Amino acid sequence: MVVDGQSPAPEHVVELVNRLVEPVEQMDRSSQGGGPTYFELATALAWLYFLDRGAEIAVLEVGLGGRLDATNVCRPLVGVITNISRDHTNVLGSSLARSAGEKAGIVKPGIPLISGVANGPAGDVVDRVCQSQASPLYRLGREIKWRPTEEDPLEATAKSTASADRLAIDVETPWGEWTRIPVPLRGLHQGANAALAVATAGLLAAGHPRISSRAIHEGMSAVRWPARIEVIASHPTVIVDAAHNWASTESPGANFDGTVIAARRRILVFAATKDKASAACCGFCCPGSTA
């Protein structure tokens, strides 16, 4: 839980927890079911912190699924589904269509949804849910378009080798266009993710003048994501990555053959919980690796 880059101080966390003690005890004593889960408590703590700090806009990340998630009791200004891959199959099901049905549970009547879900069974499910809820749907590759920024040859030549694997993108939506948006994170797939973030911020800007084009540009420039294709050492190159589903483990493998890594011998150290499809993830992440 972070507001303007700051997490709550330890004493503030204690105060927030104390405010929840009485209602939690009442729920624990209730005959209608068990008390709240850890994630539900964490969600409540985060929302109290947002209120205490006077946050104007809160970005809530769904925990698992969406339809039955604690975060889904909010009244959003916009919903976002980035993409859908197989994960938590013991709860969400093994098919992309079934997972999409759970994810699309965040769609609220009349509230716009921005989606990066690809065409196919999962995309069809998201389409149907939005239609049933009369929710405007804006899909990546259809209403939302992006492309790598075309660079001036002299500018490209002046770039250092260290930044050669970074992107800049242009984003086009029905409500605006943004050019030369920096994408500090590694991987071409991050261009698509950035386009969804820019489109969402641009959509909210109509009701929040502080979300200017300059603010969007500066915000994207400051993005950092530790442990996501993060290079922590060189000679030899050491990369840590917290990918946890089929799609996210595939993206590092695509970069291993690009400008990020150009090594003849690659060693993969892989760890996962028992519910993950470990063999598939290893194959996606680093084909031909010594595991």
Protein backbone atom coordinates (compact mmCIF):
# COMPACT_ATOMS: atom_id res chain seq x y z
CA MET A 1 0.00 0.00 0.00
CA VAL A 2 1.69 3.15 -1.25
CA VAL A 3 0.51 6.76 -1.56
CA ASP A 4 2.76 9.24 -3.36
CA GLY A 5 5.61 6.76 -3.07
CA GLN A 6 5.27 6.29 0.70
CA SER A 7 4.20 3.20 2.65
CA PRO A 8 2.72 3.63 6.14
CA ALA A 9 5.13 3.89 9.05
CA PRO A 10 5.11 0.92 11.47
CA GLU A 11 3.17 2.86 14.11
CA HIS A 12 0.56 3.81 11.49
CA VAL A 13 0.14 0.13 10.55
CA VAL A 14 -0.45 -0.70 14.24
CA GLU A 15 -3.07 2.04 14.45
CA LEU A 16 -4.79 0.76 11.28
CA VAL A 17 -4.84 -2.81 12.63
CA ASN A 18 -6.33 -1.64 15.93
CA ARG A 19 -9.19 -0.01 14.02
CA LEU A 20 -10.03 -3.38 12.49
CA VAL A 21 -9.90 -5.47 15.67
CA GLU A 22 -13.52 -4.99 16.75
CA PRO A 23 -15.21 -5.67 13.37
CA VAL A 24 -12.93 -8.67 12.78
CA GLU A 25 -13.81 -10.13 16.18
CA GLN A 26 -17.49 -9.68 15.37
CA MET A 27 -17.01 -11.52 12.07
CA ASP A 28 -15.09 -14.31 13.79
CA ARG A 29 -17.99 -14.81 16.24
CA SER A 30 -20.62 -14.76 13.51
CA SER A 31 -22.54 -17.97 12.83
CA GLN A 32 -22.81 -17.10 9.12
CA GLY A 33 -19.27 -18.10 8.23
CA GLY A 34 -15.61 -17.64 9.03
CA GLY A 35 -13.79 -14.41 9.55
CA PRO A 36 -11.86 -12.47 6.93
CA THR A 37 -8.83 -13.89 5.15
CA TYR A 38 -5.35 -12.37 5.26
CA PHE A 39 -5.83 -10.81 1.82
CA GLU A 40 -9.20 -9.33 2.84
CA LEU A 41 -7.60 -7.81 5.94
CA ALA A 42 -4.72 -6.43 3.88
CA THR A 43 -7.21 -4.89 1.44
CA ALA A 44 -9.11 -3.21 4.28
CA LEU A 45 -5.85 -1.88 5.76
CA ALA A 46 -4.83 -0.46 2.37
CA TRP A 47 -8.17 1.31 1.89
CA LEU A 48 -8.02 2.83 5.38
CA TYR A 49 -4.51 4.06 4.59
CA PHE A 50 -5.70 5.58 1.31
CA LEU A 51 -8.46 7.41 3.19
CA ASP A 52 -6.08 8.64 5.89
CA ARG A 53 -3.72 10.03 3.24
CA GLY A 54 -6.55 11.64 1.25
CA ALA A 55 -5.74 9.76 -1.95
CA GLU A 56 -7.65 11.14 -4.93
CA ILE A 57 -7.21 8.04 -7.09
CA ALA A 58 -6.34 4.52 -5.94
CA VAL A 59 -5.05 1.77 -8.20
CA LEU A 60 -6.24 -1.59 -6.88
CA GLU A 61 -4.66 -4.83 -8.06
CA VAL A 62 -6.99 -7.81 -7.94
CA GLY A 63 -5.71 -10.68 -5.82
CA LEU A 64 -6.97 -13.88 -7.43
CA GLY A 65 -9.52 -14.06 -10.20
CA GLY A 66 -11.69 -11.00 -9.78
CA ARG A 67 -15.29 -12.09 -9.52
CA LEU A 68 -15.04 -13.11 -5.84
CA ASP A 69 -12.02 -10.96 -4.93
CA ALA A 70 -12.06 -8.59 -1.96
CA THR A 71 -11.07 -5.65 -4.17
CA ASN A 72 -14.20 -6.15 -6.27
CA VAL A 73 -16.48 -4.41 -3.75
CA CYS A 74 -15.16 -1.04 -4.95
CA ARG A 75 -16.95 1.32 -7.34
CA PRO A 76 -14.29 1.90 -9.99
CA LEU A 77 -13.87 4.69 -12.50
CA VAL A 78 -12.40 2.22 -14.99
CA GLY A 79 -11.48 -1.47 -15.04
CA VAL A 80 -8.35 -2.94 -16.63
CA ILE A 81 -7.53 -6.51 -17.65
CA THR A 82 -3.99 -6.71 -19.03
CA ASN A 83 -3.95 -10.25 -20.40
CA ILE A 84 -5.02 -13.74 -19.40
CA SER A 85 -2.73 -16.73 -18.97
CA ARG A 86 -3.00 -20.01 -17.09
CA ASP A 87 -2.41 -19.55 -13.37
CA HIS A 88 -4.10 -20.69 -10.15
CA THR A 89 -5.74 -23.39 -12.25
CA ASN A 90 -6.96 -25.21 -9.13
CA VAL A 91 -9.25 -22.22 -8.48
CA LEU A 92 -9.71 -20.46 -11.81
CA GLY A 93 -9.85 -23.56 -14.03
CA SER A 94 -7.48 -24.87 -16.66
CA SER A 95 -9.08 -23.15 -19.68
CA LEU A 96 -8.43 -19.55 -20.68
CA ALA A 97 -12.15 -19.02 -21.25
CA ARG A 98 -13.00 -20.02 -17.68
CA SER A 99 -10.21 -17.83 -16.29
CA ALA A 100 -11.53 -14.97 -18.41
CA GLY A 101 -14.96 -15.40 -16.88
CA GLU A 102 -13.47 -15.01 -13.40
CA LYS A 103 -11.32 -12.04 -14.43
CA ALA A 104 -14.21 -10.32 -16.18
CA GLY A 105 -16.09 -10.40 -12.88
CA ILE A 106 -14.59 -6.95 -12.24
CA VAL A 107 -16.69 -5.44 -15.04
CA LYS A 108 -19.29 -3.09 -13.58
CA PRO A 109 -22.46 -1.85 -15.33
CA GLY A 110 -21.67 1.13 -17.52
CA ILE A 111 -18.04 1.38 -16.35
CA PRO A 112 -15.47 1.27 -19.18
CA LEU A 113 -13.05 -1.64 -19.42
CA ILE A 114 -9.59 -1.42 -20.98
CA SER A 115 -8.42 -4.83 -22.14
CA GLY A 116 -5.25 -6.37 -23.46
CA VAL A 117 -6.83 -9.82 -23.78
CA ALA A 118 -6.02 -11.36 -27.16
CA ASN A 119 -8.60 -12.54 -29.68
CA GLY A 120 -9.88 -16.04 -29.05
CA PRO A 121 -11.94 -17.79 -26.37
CA ALA A 122 -10.77 -15.50 -23.55
CA GLY A 123 -11.34 -12.35 -25.59
CA ASP A 124 -14.80 -13.57 -26.59
CA VAL A 125 -15.75 -14.02 -22.93
CA VAL A 126 -14.63 -10.49 -22.05
CA ASP A 127 -16.62 -9.15 -25.03
CA ARG A 128 -19.79 -10.94 -23.93
CA VAL A 129 -19.51 -9.80 -20.31
CA CYS A 130 -19.02 -6.16 -21.35
CA GLN A 131 -22.02 -6.37 -23.66
CA SER A 132 -24.20 -7.83 -20.91
CA GLN A 133 -23.14 -5.05 -18.52
CA ALA A 134 -23.43 -2.27 -21.13
CA SER A 135 -19.81 -1.43 -20.35
CA PRO A 136 -17.73 0.30 -23.05
CA LEU A 137 -14.87 -1.99 -24.09
CA TYR A 138 -11.58 -0.66 -25.43
CA ARG A 139 -9.25 -3.39 -26.66
CA LEU A 140 -5.55 -3.27 -27.36
CA GLY A 141 -5.01 -3.56 -31.11
CA ARG A 142 -8.50 -2.30 -31.87
CA GLU A 143 -9.48 0.97 -30.15
CA ILE A 144 -6.07 1.24 -28.45
CA LYS A 145 -3.06 1.15 -30.77
CA TRP A 146 0.64 1.44 -30.03
CA ARG A 147 3.92 1.21 -31.90
CA PRO A 148 7.59 1.75 -31.13
CA THR A 149 8.53 5.39 -31.62
CA GLU A 150 10.32 6.06 -34.88
CA GLU A 151 13.64 7.56 -33.85
CA ASP A 152 15.77 10.09 -35.57
CA PRO A 153 18.86 8.26 -36.93
CA LEU A 154 21.26 10.67 -35.20
CA GLU A 155 19.42 10.21 -31.90
CA ALA A 156 19.53 6.44 -32.21
CA THR A 157 23.27 6.52 -32.91
CA ALA A 158 23.86 8.66 -29.83
CA LYS A 159 22.17 6.16 -27.55
CA SER A 160 24.43 4.23 -25.21
CA THR A 161 24.66 0.46 -25.36
CA ALA A 162 23.19 0.23 -21.87
CA SER A 163 19.88 1.73 -23.01
CA ALA A 164 19.65 -0.04 -26.35
CA ASP A 165 17.12 -2.56 -25.05
CA ARG A 166 14.71 0.13 -23.83
CA LEU A 167 11.60 1.18 -25.72
CA ALA A 168 9.79 4.41 -26.44
CA ILE A 169 6.26 4.09 -27.78
CA ASP A 170 3.49 6.10 -29.40
CA VAL A 171 -0.06 5.39 -28.16
CA GLU A 172 -3.31 6.23 -29.95
CA THR A 173 -6.79 5.99 -28.38
CA PRO A 174 -10.25 7.44 -29.12
CA TRP A 175 -9.64 10.06 -26.41
CA GLY A 176 -6.10 11.14 -27.19
CA GLU A 177 -2.62 10.43 -28.52
CA TRP A 178 0.73 10.31 -26.72
CA THR A 179 4.12 10.18 -28.39
CA ARG A 180 7.61 9.17 -27.28
CA ILE A 181 6.41 7.56 -24.06
CA PRO A 182 9.40 5.90 -22.34
CA VAL A 183 9.19 2.24 -21.33
CA PRO A 184 11.98 1.63 -18.79
CA LEU A 185 11.15 -2.06 -18.30
CA ARG A 186 12.82 -4.70 -20.45
CA GLY A 187 10.96 -6.66 -23.10
CA LEU A 188 8.79 -5.86 -26.09
CA HIS A 189 5.76 -7.13 -24.13
CA GLN A 190 6.21 -4.16 -21.79
CA GLY A 191 5.31 -1.89 -24.71
CA ALA A 192 1.83 -3.42 -24.72
CA ASN A 193 1.56 -3.14 -20.93
CA ALA A 194 2.68 0.50 -21.07
CA ALA A 195 0.11 1.27 -23.77
CA LEU A 196 -2.67 -0.04 -21.51
CA ALA A 197 -1.39 2.09 -18.61
CA VAL A 198 -1.17 5.21 -20.76
CA ALA A 199 -4.64 4.62 -22.20
CA THR A 200 -6.08 4.21 -18.70
CA ALA A 201 -4.42 7.36 -17.39
CA GLY A 202 -5.56 9.25 -20.47
CA LEU A 203 -9.15 8.11 -19.97
CA LEU A 204 -9.11 9.29 -16.34
CA ALA A 205 -7.59 12.65 -17.31
CA ALA A 206 -10.95 14.00 -18.45
CA GLY A 207 -12.16 14.12 -14.86
CA HIS A 208 -8.79 14.76 -13.23
CA PRO A 209 -6.89 17.69 -14.81
CA ARG A 210 -3.72 16.88 -12.83
CA ILE A 211 -3.26 13.80 -15.04
CA SER A 212 -1.66 15.82 -17.83
CA SER A 213 0.33 14.50 -20.77
CA ARG A 214 3.45 15.68 -18.99
CA ALA A 215 2.46 13.82 -15.82
CA ILE A 216 1.88 10.63 -17.84
CA HIS A 217 5.28 10.99 -19.50
CA GLU A 218 7.05 11.64 -16.20
CA GLY A 219 5.21 8.81 -14.48
CA MET A 220 6.19 6.31 -17.15
CA SER A 221 9.80 7.51 -17.01
CA ALA A 222 9.90 6.72 -13.28
CA VAL A 223 8.57 3.15 -13.55
CA ARG A 224 10.73 0.58 -11.77
CA TRP A 225 9.88 -3.08 -11.22
CA PRO A 226 12.42 -5.02 -9.16
CA ALA A 227 12.75 -8.74 -9.89
CA ARG A 228 11.15 -8.54 -13.35
CA ILE A 229 13.89 -9.37 -15.87
CA GLU A 230 16.20 -7.43 -13.54
CA VAL A 231 19.93 -7.55 -14.26
CA ILE A 232 21.67 -7.67 -10.86
CA ALA A 233 25.21 -8.52 -11.97
CA SER A 234 27.47 -8.68 -15.02
CA HIS A 235 30.51 -10.81 -15.92
CA PRO A 236 28.71 -13.16 -15.74
CA THR A 237 25.28 -11.67 -16.36
CA VAL A 238 22.81 -12.61 -13.61
CA ILE A 239 19.11 -11.94 -14.06
CA VAL A 240 16.33 -12.42 -11.52
CA ASP A 241 12.73 -12.73 -12.61
CA ALA A 242 9.60 -13.34 -10.55
CA ALA A 243 7.48 -14.56 -13.47
CA HIS A 244 4.71 -16.80 -12.15
CA ASN A 245 2.50 -17.92 -15.03
CA TRP A 246 2.91 -19.28 -18.57
CA ALA A 247 2.83 -15.91 -20.32
CA SER A 248 5.19 -14.13 -17.92
CA THR A 249 7.74 -16.93 -18.03
CA GLU A 250 7.67 -16.87 -21.82
CA SER A 251 8.67 -13.19 -22.03
CA PRO A 252 12.14 -13.54 -20.46
CA GLY A 253 12.93 -16.35 -22.90
CA ALA A 254 12.13 -14.04 -25.80
CA ASN A 255 14.58 -11.50 -24.42
CA PHE A 256 17.33 -14.03 -23.84
CA ASP A 257 17.76 -14.22 -27.60
CA GLY A 258 17.73 -10.44 -28.04
CA THR A 259 19.83 -7.55 -26.85
CA VAL A 260 19.42 -8.29 -23.13
CA ILE A 261 21.51 -11.47 -23.15
CA ALA A 262 23.89 -12.73 -25.78
CA ALA A 263 25.48 -15.65 -23.92
CA ARG A 264 26.39 -19.01 -25.40
CA ARG A 265 25.85 -20.90 -22.15
CA ARG A 266 22.83 -20.20 -19.99
CA ILE A 267 21.97 -21.68 -16.61
CA LEU A 268 18.46 -21.45 -15.22
CA VAL A 269 17.78 -21.78 -11.49
CA PHE A 270 14.04 -22.21 -11.11
CA ALA A 271 11.76 -22.48 -8.07
CA ALA A 272 7.96 -22.72 -7.90
CA THR A 273 5.17 -23.87 -5.64
CA LYS A 274 3.59 -27.26 -6.26
CA ASP A 275 0.51 -25.84 -8.00
CA LYS A 276 2.56 -24.36 -10.87
CA ALA A 277 3.16 -26.10 -14.20
CA SER A 278 6.92 -26.08 -13.62
CA ALA A 279 7.97 -28.03 -16.72
CA ALA A 280 6.00 -25.75 -19.04
CA CYS A 281 7.29 -22.62 -17.34
CA CYS A 282 10.92 -23.78 -17.63
CA GLY A 283 10.45 -24.55 -21.31
CA PHE A 284 8.94 -21.14 -21.99
CA CYS A 285 11.46 -19.20 -19.96
CA CYS A 286 14.73 -20.54 -21.29
CA PRO A 287 14.51 -23.20 -24.00
CA GLY A 288 17.48 -25.53 -23.90
CA SER A 289 18.69 -24.31 -20.50
CA THR A 290 20.48 -26.44 -17.94
CA ALA A 291 18.00 -26.55 -15.07
